């Protein structure tokens, strides 16, 4: 970075990115919902494969729980991104106030 150039934070862009991240969380949650609709019975694996149906169902349900947890974490991240933009704006406004000359 060249001396004196500093950096610029654009709170609106952070808010927009937070919305994008929310969309990712929603797609993950939607995939989990689709995966949670599977049932594994004798018709899934045939007579020989029915031994695996219980384990397959258990693992599938665990995957759905993990995906939903992950989607929640991603939603939290989106909120933090938006909050960072708001905090930058609030801090910048507070720091600029003494220089406004009584406006």
PDB file of N, CA and C in Angstrom:
ATOM      1  N   UNK A   1       0.847  -1.166   0.000  1.00  0.00           N
ATOM      2  CA  UNK A   1       0.000   0.000   0.000  1.00  0.00           C
ATOM      3  C   UNK A   1       0.892   1.228   0.000  1.00  0.00           C
ATOM      4  N   UNK A   2       0.596   2.162  -0.855  1.00  0.00           N
ATOM      5  CA  UNK A   2       1.363   3.409  -0.945  1.00  0.00           C
ATOM      6  C   UNK A   2       1.091   4.267   0.287  1.00  0.00           C
ATOM      7  N   UNK A   3       2.105   4.992   0.754  1.00  0.00           N
ATOM      8  CA  UNK A   3       1.906   5.856   1.921  1.00  0.00           C
ATOM      9  C   UNK A   3       0.799   6.876   1.672  1.00  0.00           C
ATOM     10  N   UNK A   4      -0.014   7.090   2.701  1.00  0.00           N
ATOM     11  CA  UNK A   4      -1.063   8.097   2.606  1.00  0.00           C
ATOM     12  C   UNK A   4      -2.330   7.657   1.894  1.00  0.00           C
ATOM     13  N   UNK A   5      -2.368   6.446   1.364  1.00  0.00           N
ATOM     14  CA  UNK A   5      -3.559   5.991   0.639  1.00  0.00           C
ATOM     15  C   UNK A   5      -4.632   5.461   1.592  1.00  0.00           C
ATOM     16  N   UNK A   6      -4.216   4.876   2.709  1.00  0.00           N
ATOM     17  CA  UNK A   6      -5.181   4.351   3.670  1.00  0.00           C
ATOM     18  C   UNK A   6      -6.068   3.274   3.073  1.00  0.00           C
ATOM     19  N   UNK A   7      -7.249   3.186   3.602  1.00  0.00           N
ATOM     20  CA  UNK A   7      -8.210   2.224   3.079  1.00  0.00           C
ATOM     21  C   UNK A   7      -9.603   2.803   3.242  1.00  0.00           C
ATOM     22  N   UNK A   8     -10.535   2.219   2.543  1.00  0.00           N
ATOM     23  CA  UNK A   8     -11.913   2.679   2.596  1.00  0.00           C
ATOM     24  C   UNK A   8     -12.808   1.494   2.917  1.00  0.00           C
ATOM     25  N   UNK A   9     -13.701   1.692   3.853  1.00  0.00           N
ATOM     26  CA  UNK A   9     -14.704   0.679   4.170  1.00  0.00           C
ATOM     27  C   UNK A   9     -16.030   1.187   3.639  1.00  0.00           C
ATOM     28  N   UNK A  10     -16.719   0.334   2.942  1.00  0.00           N
ATOM     29  CA  UNK A  10     -18.022   0.706   2.385  1.00  0.00           C
ATOM     30  C   UNK A  10     -19.100  -0.122   3.097  1.00  0.00           C
ATOM     31  N   UNK A  11     -19.710   0.443   4.143  1.00  0.00           N
ATOM     32  CA  UNK A  11     -20.696  -0.309   4.918  1.00  0.00           C
ATOM     33  C   UNK A  11     -21.823  -0.895   4.069  1.00  0.00           C
ATOM     34  N   UNK A  12     -22.253  -0.179   3.052  1.00  0.00           N
ATOM     35  CA  UNK A  12     -23.308  -0.706   2.183  1.00  0.00           C
ATOM     36  C   UNK A  12     -22.888  -1.983   1.472  1.00  0.00           C
ATOM     37  N   UNK A  13     -21.626  -2.036   1.071  1.00  0.00           N
ATOM     38  CA  UNK A  13     -21.127  -3.241   0.408  1.00  0.00           C
ATOM     39  C   UNK A  13     -21.027  -4.396   1.396  1.00  0.00           C
ATOM     40  N   UNK A  14     -20.660  -4.089   2.650  1.00  0.00           N
ATOM     41  CA  UNK A  14     -20.635  -5.144   3.662  1.00  0.00           C
ATOM     42  C   UNK A  14     -22.047  -5.668   3.922  1.00  0.00           C
ATOM     43  N   UNK A  15     -23.020  -4.778   3.965  1.00  0.00           N
ATOM     44  CA  UNK A  15     -24.412  -5.202   4.144  1.00  0.00           C
ATOM     45  C   UNK A  15     -24.862  -6.073   2.973  1.00  0.00           C
ATOM     46  N   UNK A  16     -24.493  -5.676   1.773  1.00  0.00           N
ATOM     47  CA  UNK A  16     -24.851  -6.452   0.583  1.00  0.00           C
ATOM     48  C   UNK A  16     -24.181  -7.826   0.624  1.00  0.00           C
ATOM     49  N   UNK A  17     -22.920  -7.865   1.026  1.00  0.00           N
ATOM     50  CA  UNK A  17     -22.217  -9.144   1.115  1.00  0.00           C
ATOM     51  C   UNK A  17     -22.857 -10.027   2.185  1.00  0.00           C
ATOM     52  N   UNK A  18     -23.295  -9.412   3.285  1.00  0.00           N
ATOM     53  CA  UNK A  18     -24.010 -10.177   4.306  1.00  0.00           C
ATOM     54  C   UNK A  18     -25.244 -10.850   3.722  1.00  0.00           C
ATOM     55  N   UNK A  19     -25.946 -10.146   2.849  1.00  0.00           N
ATOM     56  CA  UNK A  19     -27.105 -10.733   2.178  1.00  0.00           C
ATOM     57  C   UNK A  19     -26.726 -11.896   1.277  1.00  0.00           C
ATOM     58  N   UNK A  20     -25.588 -11.767   0.605  1.00  0.00           N
ATOM     59  CA  UNK A  20     -25.097 -12.863  -0.240  1.00  0.00           C
ATOM     60  C   UNK A  20     -24.785 -14.084   0.611  1.00  0.00           C
ATOM     61  N   UNK A  21     -24.134 -13.851   1.747  1.00  0.00           N
ATOM     62  CA  UNK A  21     -23.789 -14.954   2.652  1.00  0.00           C
ATOM     63  C   UNK A  21     -25.065 -15.592   3.210  1.00  0.00           C
ATOM     64  N   UNK A  22     -26.082 -14.784   3.516  1.00  0.00           N
ATOM     65  CA  UNK A  22     -27.378 -15.334   3.937  1.00  0.00           C
ATOM     66  C   UNK A  22     -27.948 -16.265   2.870  1.00  0.00           C
ATOM     67  N   UNK A  23     -27.794 -15.886   1.603  1.00  0.00           N
ATOM     68  CA  UNK A  23     -28.278 -16.725   0.509  1.00  0.00           C
ATOM     69  C   UNK A  23     -27.578 -18.070   0.465  1.00  0.00           C
ATOM     70  N   UNK A  24     -26.288 -18.073   0.754  1.00  0.00           N
ATOM     71  CA  UNK A  24     -25.537 -19.332   0.800  1.00  0.00           C
ATOM     72  C   UNK A  24     -26.079 -20.205   1.925  1.00  0.00           C
ATOM     73  N   UNK A  25     -26.310 -19.603   3.084  1.00  0.00           N
ATOM     74  CA  UNK A  25     -26.857 -20.355   4.221  1.00  0.00           C
ATOM     75  C   UNK A  25     -28.210 -20.959   3.864  1.00  0.00           C
ATOM     76  N   UNK A  26     -29.022 -20.200   3.161  1.00  0.00           N
ATOM     77  CA  UNK A  26     -30.348 -20.692   2.785  1.00  0.00           C
ATOM     78  C   UNK A  26     -30.247 -21.865   1.813  1.00  0.00           C
ATOM     79  N   UNK A  27     -29.296 -21.806   0.894  1.00  0.00           N
ATOM     80  CA  UNK A  27     -29.120 -22.928  -0.047  1.00  0.00           C
ATOM     81  C   UNK A  27     -28.649 -24.182   0.694  1.00  0.00           C
ATOM     82  N   UNK A  28     -27.776 -24.020   1.675  1.00  0.00           N
ATOM     83  CA  UNK A  28     -27.316 -25.167   2.468  1.00  0.00           C
ATOM     84  C   UNK A  28     -28.489 -25.750   3.251  1.00  0.00           C
ATOM     85  N   UNK A  29     -29.289 -24.880   3.860  1.00  0.00           N
ATOM     86  CA  UNK A  29     -30.454 -25.344   4.610  1.00  0.00           C
ATOM     87  C   UNK A  29     -31.438 -26.076   3.690  1.00  0.00           C
ATOM     88  N   UNK A  30     -31.624 -25.558   2.485  1.00  0.00           N
ATOM     89  CA  UNK A  30     -32.504 -26.211   1.520  1.00  0.00           C
ATOM     90  C   UNK A  30     -32.003 -27.585   1.115  1.00  0.00           C
ATOM     91  N   UNK A  31     -30.688 -27.707   0.948  1.00  0.00           N
ATOM     92  CA  UNK A  31     -30.110 -29.014   0.615  1.00  0.00           C
ATOM     93  C   UNK A  31     -30.309 -29.990   1.767  1.00  0.00           C
ATOM     94  N   UNK A  32     -30.159 -29.505   2.993  1.00  0.00           N
ATOM     95  CA  UNK A  32     -30.373 -30.361   4.163  1.00  0.00           C
ATOM     96  C   UNK A  32     -31.826 -30.821   4.222  1.00  0.00           C
ATOM     97  N   UNK A  33     -32.738 -29.915   3.917  1.00  0.00           N
ATOM     98  CA  UNK A  33     -34.157 -30.255   3.935  1.00  0.00           C
ATOM     99  C   UNK A  33     -34.462 -31.355   2.919  1.00  0.00           C
ATOM    100  N   UNK A  34     -33.878 -31.233   1.737  1.00  0.00           N
ATOM    101  CA  UNK A  34     -34.088 -32.270   0.719  1.00  0.00           C
ATOM    102  C   UNK A  34     -33.505 -33.600   1.179  1.00  0.00           C
ATOM    103  N   UNK A  35     -32.318 -33.559   1.773  1.00  0.00           N
ATOM    104  CA  UNK A  35     -31.680 -34.786   2.253  1.00  0.00           C
ATOM    105  C   UNK A  35     -32.421 -35.418   3.407  1.00  0.00           C
ATOM    106  N   UNK A  36     -33.123 -34.608   4.183  1.00  0.00           N
ATOM    107  CA  UNK A  36     -33.861 -35.134   5.324  1.00  0.00           C
ATOM    108  C   UNK A  36     -35.121 -35.875   4.931  1.00  0.00           C
ATOM    109  N   UNK A  37     -35.520 -35.768   3.703  1.00  0.00           N
ATOM    110  CA  UNK A  37     -36.737 -36.420   3.250  1.00  0.00           C
ATOM    111  C   UNK A  37     -36.561 -37.864   2.814  1.00  0.00           C
ATOM    112  N   UNK A  38     -35.341 -38.359   2.836  1.00  0.00           N
ATOM    113  CA  UNK A  38     -35.093 -39.732   2.395  1.00  0.00           C
ATOM    114  C   UNK A  38     -35.421 -40.725   3.501  1.00  0.00           C
ATOM    115  N   UNK A  39     -36.025 -41.825   3.107  1.00  0.00           N
ATOM    116  CA  UNK A  39     -36.176 -42.961   4.015  1.00  0.00           C
ATOM    117  C   UNK A  39     -35.545 -44.157   3.332  1.00  0.00           C
ATOM    118  N   UNK A  40     -34.921 -44.973   4.128  1.00  0.00           N
ATOM    119  CA  UNK A  40     -34.222 -46.136   3.593  1.00  0.00           C
ATOM    120  C   UNK A  40     -34.919 -47.387   4.096  1.00  0.00           C
ATOM    121  N   UNK A  41     -35.496 -48.117   3.194  1.00  0.00           N
ATOM    122  CA  UNK A  41     -36.168 -49.363   3.542  1.00  0.00           C
ATOM    123  C   UNK A  41     -35.688 -50.480   2.633  1.00  0.00           C
ATOM    124  N   UNK A  42     -36.405 -51.580   2.655  1.00  0.00           N
ATOM    125  CA  UNK A  42     -36.018 -52.749   1.853  1.00  0.00           C
ATOM    126  C   UNK A  42     -36.008 -52.416   0.367  1.00  0.00           C
ATOM    127  N   UNK A  43     -36.906 -51.537  -0.076  1.00  0.00           N
ATOM    128  CA  UNK A  43     -36.938 -51.215  -1.507  1.00  0.00           C
ATOM    129  C   UNK A  43     -35.766 -50.332  -1.921  1.00  0.00           C
ATOM    130  N   UNK A  44     -35.070 -49.736  -0.962  1.00  0.00           N
ATOM    131  CA  UNK A  44     -33.938 -48.881  -1.304  1.00  0.00           C
ATOM    132  C   UNK A  44     -32.731 -49.703  -1.713  1.00  0.00           C
ATOM    133  N   UNK A  45     -32.434 -50.723  -0.941  1.00  0.00           N
ATOM    134  CA  UNK A  45     -31.211 -51.503  -1.169  1.00  0.00           C
ATOM    135  C   UNK A  45     -31.475 -52.954  -1.565  1.00  0.00           C
ATOM    136  N   UNK A  46     -32.712 -53.374  -1.611  1.00  0.00           N
ATOM    137  CA  UNK A  46     -33.012 -54.759  -1.914  1.00  0.00           C
ATOM    138  C   UNK A  46     -32.895 -55.624  -0.662  1.00  0.00           C
ATOM    139  N   UNK A  47     -33.194 -56.891  -0.807  1.00  0.00           N
ATOM    140  CA  UNK A  47     -33.206 -57.808   0.339  1.00  0.00           C
ATOM    141  C   UNK A  47     -31.833 -57.905   0.990  1.00  0.00           C
ATOM    142  N   UNK A  48     -30.795 -58.075   0.206  1.00  0.00           N
ATOM    143  CA  UNK A  48     -29.446 -58.202   0.766  1.00  0.00           C
ATOM    144  C   UNK A  48     -29.009 -56.886   1.415  1.00  0.00           C
ATOM    145  N   UNK A  49     -29.323 -55.784   0.793  1.00  0.00           N
ATOM    146  CA  UNK A  49     -28.881 -54.490   1.288  1.00  0.00           C
ATOM    147  C   UNK A  49     -29.681 -53.946   2.458  1.00  0.00           C
ATOM    148  N   UNK A  50     -30.794 -54.614   2.809  1.00  0.00           N
ATOM    149  CA  UNK A  50     -31.609 -54.100   3.906  1.00  0.00           C
ATOM    150  C   UNK A  50     -30.843 -54.048   5.227  1.00  0.00           C
ATOM    151  N   UNK A  51     -29.783 -54.833   5.332  1.00  0.00           N
ATOM    152  CA  UNK A  51     -28.943 -54.794   6.533  1.00  0.00           C
ATOM    153  C   UNK A  51     -28.325 -53.410   6.728  1.00  0.00           C
ATOM    154  N   UNK A  52     -28.142 -52.686   5.647  1.00  0.00           N
ATOM    155  CA  UNK A  52     -27.486 -51.381   5.706  1.00  0.00           C
ATOM    156  C   UNK A  52     -28.470 -50.220   5.850  1.00  0.00           C
ATOM    157  N   UNK A  53     -29.747 -50.494   5.713  1.00  0.00           N
ATOM    158  CA  UNK A  53     -30.739 -49.418   5.697  1.00  0.00           C
ATOM    159  C   UNK A  53     -30.737 -48.605   6.989  1.00  0.00           C
ATOM    160  N   UNK A  54     -30.664 -49.263   8.126  1.00  0.00           N
ATOM    161  CA  UNK A  54     -30.665 -48.547   9.409  1.00  0.00           C
ATOM    162  C   UNK A  54     -29.471 -47.625   9.547  1.00  0.00           C
ATOM    163  N   UNK A  55     -28.286 -48.147   9.198  1.00  0.00           N
ATOM    164  CA  UNK A  55     -27.078 -47.320   9.272  1.00  0.00           C
ATOM    165  C   UNK A  55     -27.144 -46.164   8.275  1.00  0.00           C
ATOM    166  N   UNK A  56     -27.638 -46.446   7.081  1.00  0.00           N
ATOM    167  CA  UNK A  56     -27.740 -45.392   6.068  1.00  0.00           C
ATOM    168  C   UNK A  56     -28.693 -44.296   6.546  1.00  0.00           C
ATOM    169  N   UNK A  57     -29.803 -44.682   7.161  1.00  0.00           N
ATOM    170  CA  UNK A  57     -30.765 -43.701   7.676  1.00  0.00           C
ATOM    171  C   UNK A  57     -30.133 -42.865   8.790  1.00  0.00           C
ATOM    172  N   UNK A  58     -29.421 -43.512   9.699  1.00  0.00           N
ATOM    173  CA  UNK A  58     -28.782 -42.810  10.815  1.00  0.00           C
ATOM    174  C   UNK A  58     -27.744 -41.811  10.314  1.00  0.00           C
ATOM    175  N   UNK A  59     -26.900 -42.252   9.384  1.00  0.00           N
ATOM    176  CA  UNK A  59     -25.860 -41.374   8.838  1.00  0.00           C
ATOM    177  C   UNK A  59     -26.488 -40.216   8.057  1.00  0.00           C
ATOM    178  N   UNK A  60     -27.543 -40.497   7.329  1.00  0.00           N
ATOM    179  CA  UNK A  60     -28.231 -39.451   6.575  1.00  0.00           C
ATOM    180  C   UNK A  60     -28.820 -38.402   7.518  1.00  0.00           C
ATOM    181  N   UNK A  61     -29.435 -38.849   8.599  1.00  0.00           N
ATOM    182  CA  UNK A  61     -30.013 -37.905   9.564  1.00  0.00           C
ATOM    183  C   UNK A  61     -28.926 -37.064  10.231  1.00  0.00           C
ATOM    184  N   UNK A  62     -27.792 -37.673  10.525  1.00  0.00           N
ATOM    185  CA  UNK A  62     -26.675 -36.926  11.111  1.00  0.00           C
ATOM    186  C   UNK A  62     -26.163 -35.874  10.123  1.00  0.00           C
ATOM    187  N   UNK A  63     -26.085 -36.240   8.848  1.00  0.00           N
ATOM    188  CA  UNK A  63     -25.636 -35.280   7.829  1.00  0.00           C
ATOM    189  C   UNK A  63     -26.594 -34.090   7.756  1.00  0.00           C
ATOM    190  N   UNK A  64     -27.879 -34.348   7.843  1.00  0.00           N
ATOM    191  CA  UNK A  64     -28.874 -33.271   7.819  1.00  0.00           C
ATOM    192  C   UNK A  64     -28.677 -32.350   9.019  1.00  0.00           C
ATOM    193  N   UNK A  65     -28.477 -32.927  10.201  1.00  0.00           N
ATOM    194  CA  UNK A  65     -28.243 -32.095  11.399  1.00  0.00           C
ATOM    195  C   UNK A  65     -26.994 -31.234  11.231  1.00  0.00           C
ATOM    196  N   UNK A  66     -25.925 -31.832  10.731  1.00  0.00           N
ATOM    197  CA  UNK A  66     -24.672 -31.092  10.542  1.00  0.00           C
ATOM    198  C   UNK A  66     -24.837 -29.966   9.520  1.00  0.00           C
ATOM    199  N   UNK A  67     -25.561 -30.248   8.446  1.00  0.00           N
ATOM    200  CA  UNK A  67     -25.782 -29.212   7.435  1.00  0.00           C
ATOM    201  C   UNK A  67     -26.614 -28.063   7.997  1.00  0.00           C
ATOM    202  N   UNK A  68     -27.629 -28.389   8.796  1.00  0.00           N
ATOM    203  CA  UNK A  68     -28.434 -27.334   9.412  1.00  0.00           C
ATOM    204  C   UNK A  68     -27.608 -26.512  10.400  1.00  0.00           C
ATOM    205  N   UNK A  69     -26.747 -27.182  11.165  1.00  0.00           N
ATOM    206  CA  UNK A  69     -25.848 -26.453  12.074  1.00  0.00           C
ATOM    207  C   UNK A  69     -24.926 -25.531  11.285  1.00  0.00           C
ATOM    208  N   UNK A  70     -24.389 -26.051  10.185  1.00  0.00           N
ATOM    209  CA  UNK A  70     -23.489 -25.261   9.347  1.00  0.00           C
ATOM    210  C   UNK A  70     -24.221 -24.049   8.769  1.00  0.00           C
ATOM    211  N   UNK A  71     -25.446 -24.263   8.309  1.00  0.00           N
ATOM    212  CA  UNK A  71     -26.240 -23.151   7.769  1.00  0.00           C
ATOM    213  C   UNK A  71     -26.455 -22.084   8.844  1.00  0.00           C
ATOM    214  N   UNK A  72     -26.688 -22.507  10.081  1.00  0.00           N
ATOM    215  CA  UNK A  72     -26.833 -21.554  11.178  1.00  0.00           C
ATOM    216  C   UNK A  72     -25.560 -20.764  11.415  1.00  0.00           C
ATOM    217  N   UNK A  73     -24.416 -21.448  11.343  1.00  0.00           N
ATOM    218  CA  UNK A  73     -23.132 -20.759  11.506  1.00  0.00           C
ATOM    219  C   UNK A  73     -22.911 -19.740  10.390  1.00  0.00           C
ATOM    220  N   UNK A  74     -23.288 -20.107   9.178  1.00  0.00           N
ATOM    221  CA  UNK A  74     -23.131 -19.198   8.040  1.00  0.00           C
ATOM    222  C   UNK A  74     -24.052 -17.982   8.210  1.00  0.00           C
ATOM    223  N   UNK A  75     -25.277 -18.212   8.713  1.00  0.00           N
ATOM    224  CA  UNK A  75     -26.184 -17.092   8.989  1.00  0.00           C
ATOM    225  C   UNK A  75     -25.583 -16.153  10.036  1.00  0.00           C
ATOM    226  N   UNK A  76     -24.964 -16.737  11.071  1.00  0.00           N
ATOM    227  CA  UNK A  76     -24.302 -15.916  12.093  1.00  0.00           C
ATOM    228  C   UNK A  76     -23.184 -15.082  11.471  1.00  0.00           C
ATOM    229  N   UNK A  77     -22.419 -15.704  10.577  1.00  0.00           N
ATOM    230  CA  UNK A  77     -21.344 -14.989   9.893  1.00  0.00           C
ATOM    231  C   UNK A  77     -21.903 -13.812   9.099  1.00  0.00           C
ATOM    232  N   UNK A  78     -22.997 -14.036   8.407  1.00  0.00           N
ATOM    233  CA  UNK A  78     -23.623 -12.955   7.632  1.00  0.00           C
ATOM    234  C   UNK A  78     -23.998 -11.790   8.542  1.00  0.00           C
ATOM    235  N   UNK A  79     -24.546 -12.099   9.697  1.00  0.00           N
ATOM    236  CA  UNK A  79     -24.893 -11.051  10.650  1.00  0.00           C
ATOM    237  C   UNK A  79     -23.671 -10.286  11.124  1.00  0.00           C
ATOM    238  N   UNK A  80     -22.571 -11.002  11.337  1.00  0.00           N
ATOM    239  CA  UNK A  80     -21.329 -10.349  11.771  1.00  0.00           C
ATOM    240  C   UNK A  80     -20.769  -9.438  10.684  1.00  0.00           C
ATOM    241  N   UNK A  81     -20.878  -9.847   9.437  1.00  0.00           N
ATOM    242  CA  UNK A  81     -20.407  -9.009   8.327  1.00  0.00           C
ATOM    243  C   UNK A  81     -21.216  -7.709   8.285  1.00  0.00           C
ATOM    244  N   UNK A  82     -22.536  -7.837   8.410  1.00  0.00           N
ATOM    245  CA  UNK A  82     -23.385  -6.637   8.420  1.00  0.00           C
ATOM    246  C   UNK A  82     -23.073  -5.753   9.631  1.00  0.00           C
ATOM    247  N   UNK A  83     -22.888  -6.382  10.779  1.00  0.00           N
ATOM    248  CA  UNK A  83     -22.585  -5.630  11.992  1.00  0.00           C
ATOM    249  C   UNK A  83     -21.250  -4.895  11.864  1.00  0.00           C
ATOM    250  N   UNK A  84     -20.273  -5.524  11.221  1.00  0.00           N
ATOM    251  CA  UNK A  84     -18.978  -4.862  11.021  1.00  0.00           C
ATOM    252  C   UNK A  84     -19.165  -3.573  10.227  1.00  0.00           C
ATOM    253  N   UNK A  85     -19.970  -3.622   9.180  1.00  0.00           N
ATOM    254  CA  UNK A  85     -20.237  -2.417   8.392  1.00  0.00           C
ATOM    255  C   UNK A  85     -20.909  -1.337   9.219  1.00  0.00           C
ATOM    256  N   UNK A  86     -21.867  -1.740  10.042  1.00  0.00           N
ATOM    257  CA  UNK A  86     -22.558  -0.770  10.894  1.00  0.00           C
ATOM    258  C   UNK A  86     -21.596  -0.153  11.910  1.00  0.00           C
ATOM    259  N   UNK A  87     -20.728  -0.982  12.489  1.00  0.00           N
ATOM    260  CA  UNK A  87     -19.771  -0.472  13.477  1.00  0.00           C
ATOM    261  C   UNK A  87     -18.756   0.472  12.847  1.00  0.00           C
ATOM    262  N   UNK A  88     -18.301   0.134  11.646  1.00  0.00           N
ATOM    263  CA  UNK A  88     -17.403   1.058  10.938  1.00  0.00           C
ATOM    264  C   UNK A  88     -18.085   2.409  10.744  1.00  0.00           C
ATOM    265  N   UNK A  89     -19.341   2.379  10.304  1.00  0.00           N
ATOM    266  CA  UNK A  89     -20.068   3.624  10.051  1.00  0.00           C
ATOM    267  C   UNK A  89     -20.274   4.417  11.339  1.00  0.00           C
ATOM    268  N   UNK A  90     -20.687   3.741  12.396  1.00  0.00           N
ATOM    269  CA  UNK A  90     -20.905   4.403  13.686  1.00  0.00           C
ATOM    270  C   UNK A  90     -19.612   5.023  14.205  1.00  0.00           C
ATOM    271  N   UNK A  91     -18.516   4.267  14.129  1.00  0.00           N
ATOM    272  CA  UNK A  91     -17.218   4.779  14.594  1.00  0.00           C
ATOM    273  C   UNK A  91     -16.762   5.962  13.755  1.00  0.00           C
ATOM    274  N   UNK A  92     -16.907   5.838  12.450  1.00  0.00           N
ATOM    275  CA  UNK A  92     -16.489   6.918  11.557  1.00  0.00           C
ATOM    276  C   UNK A  92     -17.293   8.194  11.829  1.00  0.00           C
ATOM    277  N   UNK A  93     -18.597   8.031  12.010  1.00  0.00           N
ATOM    278  CA  UNK A  93     -19.449   9.189  12.307  1.00  0.00           C
ATOM    279  C   UNK A  93     -19.036   9.844  13.621  1.00  0.00           C
ATOM    280  N   UNK A  94     -18.766   9.033  14.636  1.00  0.00           N
ATOM    281  CA  UNK A  94     -18.375   9.573  15.943  1.00  0.00           C
ATOM    282  C   UNK A  94     -17.029  10.289  15.870  1.00  0.00           C
ATOM    283  N   UNK A  95     -16.092   9.732  15.107  1.00  0.00           N
ATOM    284  CA  UNK A  95     -14.773  10.361  14.976  1.00  0.00           C
ATOM    285  C   UNK A  95     -14.841  11.648  14.154  1.00  0.00           C
ATOM    286  N   UNK A  96     -15.758  11.713  13.208  1.00  0.00           N
ATOM    287  CA  UNK A  96     -15.882  12.902  12.358  1.00  0.00           C
ATOM    288  C   UNK A  96     -16.631  14.038  13.051  1.00  0.00           C
ATOM    289  N   UNK A  97     -17.461  13.716  14.022  1.00  0.00           N
ATOM    290  CA  UNK A  97     -18.319  14.716  14.668  1.00  0.00           C
ATOM    291  C   UNK A  97     -17.549  15.929  15.203  1.00  0.00           C
ATOM    292  N   UNK A  98     -16.420  15.768  15.899  1.00  0.00           N
ATOM    293  CA  UNK A  98     -15.717  16.951  16.421  1.00  0.00           C
ATOM    294  C   UNK A  98     -15.214  17.903  15.331  1.00  0.00           C
ATOM    295  N   UNK A  99     -15.097  17.416  14.117  1.00  0.00           N
ATOM    296  CA  UNK A  99     -14.557  18.235  13.031  1.00  0.00           C
ATOM    297  C   UNK A  99     -15.650  18.910  12.196  1.00  0.00           C
ATOM    298  N   UNK A 100     -16.894  18.726  12.577  1.00  0.00           N
ATOM    299  CA  UNK A 100     -17.999  19.273  11.778  1.00  0.00           C
ATOM    300  C   UNK A 100     -18.286  20.732  12.096  1.00  0.00           C
ATOM    301  N   UNK A 101     -17.654  21.296  13.089  1.00  0.00           N
ATOM    302  CA  UNK A 101     -17.786  22.723  13.359  1.00  0.00           C
ATOM    303  C   UNK A 101     -19.171  23.168  13.777  1.00  0.00           C
ATOM    304  N   UNK A 102     -19.836  22.385  14.608  1.00  0.00           N
ATOM    305  CA  UNK A 102     -21.120  22.801  15.155  1.00  0.00           C
ATOM    306  C   UNK A 102     -22.300  22.625  14.236  1.00  0.00           C
ATOM    307  N   UNK A 103     -22.197  21.807  13.229  1.00  0.00           N
ATOM    308  CA  UNK A 103     -23.332  21.579  12.310  1.00  0.00           C
ATOM    309  C   UNK A 103     -24.469  20.891  13.017  1.00  0.00           C
TER     310      UNK A 103
END
